[in-house]
């Protein structure tokens, strides 16, 4: 994950990836989203 976040949403997609969006970080509100691939442990910024 590029930024630590809290009060975000996380949804498991039909392809098994996890979409994490929004929330708050150290600098305030985050209007970004990232995809997590559990099989590789890698995060991708969307």
C-alpha atoms as a PDB file:
ATOM      1  CA  UNK A   1       0.000   0.000   0.000  1.00  0.00           C
ATOM      2  CA  UNK A   2       1.373   3.393  -0.988  1.00  0.00           C
ATOM      3  CA  UNK A   3      -0.181   5.226   1.961  1.00  0.00           C
ATOM      4  CA  UNK A   4      -1.345   4.032   5.336  1.00  0.00           C
ATOM      5  CA  UNK A   5      -5.078   4.725   5.591  1.00  0.00           C
ATOM      6  CA  UNK A   6      -7.977   4.408   7.998  1.00  0.00           C
ATOM      7  CA  UNK A   7     -11.770   4.735   7.662  1.00  0.00           C
ATOM      8  CA  UNK A   8     -11.432   3.422   4.093  1.00  0.00           C
ATOM      9  CA  UNK A   9     -13.531   0.914   2.173  1.00  0.00           C
ATOM     10  CA  UNK A  10     -12.270  -2.494   1.078  1.00  0.00           C
ATOM     11  CA  UNK A  11     -14.089  -4.804  -1.324  1.00  0.00           C
ATOM     12  CA  UNK A  12     -13.154  -8.258  -2.567  1.00  0.00           C
ATOM     13  CA  UNK A  13     -13.679  -8.343  -6.336  1.00  0.00           C
ATOM     14  CA  UNK A  14     -14.825 -11.363  -8.357  1.00  0.00           C
ATOM     15  CA  UNK A  15     -11.248 -11.850  -9.621  1.00  0.00           C
ATOM     16  CA  UNK A  16     -10.008 -12.224  -6.027  1.00  0.00           C
ATOM     17  CA  UNK A  17      -8.280  -8.844  -5.859  1.00  0.00           C
ATOM     18  CA  UNK A  18      -9.118  -6.385  -3.081  1.00  0.00           C
ATOM     19  CA  UNK A  19     -10.052  -2.801  -3.952  1.00  0.00           C
ATOM     20  CA  UNK A  20      -9.215  -0.312  -1.189  1.00  0.00           C
ATOM     21  CA  UNK A  21     -10.487   3.241  -1.644  1.00  0.00           C
ATOM     22  CA  UNK A  22     -10.690   6.556   0.164  1.00  0.00           C
ATOM     23  CA  UNK A  23     -10.191   7.050   3.840  1.00  0.00           C
ATOM     24  CA  UNK A  24      -7.792   9.269   5.712  1.00  0.00           C
ATOM     25  CA  UNK A  25      -4.021   9.329   5.989  1.00  0.00           C
ATOM     26  CA  UNK A  26      -1.379  11.439   7.689  1.00  0.00           C
ATOM     27  CA  UNK A  27      -2.107  14.379   5.367  1.00  0.00           C
ATOM     28  CA  UNK A  28      -5.917  14.180   5.583  1.00  0.00           C
ATOM     29  CA  UNK A  29      -8.536  12.774   3.204  1.00  0.00           C
ATOM     30  CA  UNK A  30      -7.266  10.348   0.543  1.00  0.00           C
ATOM     31  CA  UNK A  31      -9.123  10.373  -2.785  1.00  0.00           C
ATOM     32  CA  UNK A  32      -7.111   7.461  -4.182  1.00  0.00           C
ATOM     33  CA  UNK A  33      -7.705   3.757  -4.667  1.00  0.00           C
ATOM     34  CA  UNK A  34      -5.402   0.743  -4.736  1.00  0.00           C
ATOM     35  CA  UNK A  35      -5.747  -2.891  -5.762  1.00  0.00           C
ATOM     36  CA  UNK A  36      -4.224  -5.685  -3.695  1.00  0.00           C
ATOM     37  CA  UNK A  37      -3.324  -8.989  -5.350  1.00  0.00           C
ATOM     38  CA  UNK A  38      -3.313 -11.635  -2.572  1.00  0.00           C
ATOM     39  CA  UNK A  39      -1.486 -14.258  -4.664  1.00  0.00           C
ATOM     40  CA  UNK A  40       1.562 -11.987  -5.083  1.00  0.00           C
ATOM     41  CA  UNK A  41       1.198  -9.656  -2.098  1.00  0.00           C
ATOM     42  CA  UNK A  42       1.535  -6.642  -4.411  1.00  0.00           C
ATOM     43  CA  UNK A  43      -0.379  -3.353  -4.384  1.00  0.00           C
ATOM     44  CA  UNK A  44      -1.213  -1.364  -7.533  1.00  0.00           C
ATOM     45  CA  UNK A  45      -2.352   2.258  -7.534  1.00  0.00           C
ATOM     46  CA  UNK A  46      -5.430   2.761  -9.713  1.00  0.00           C
END
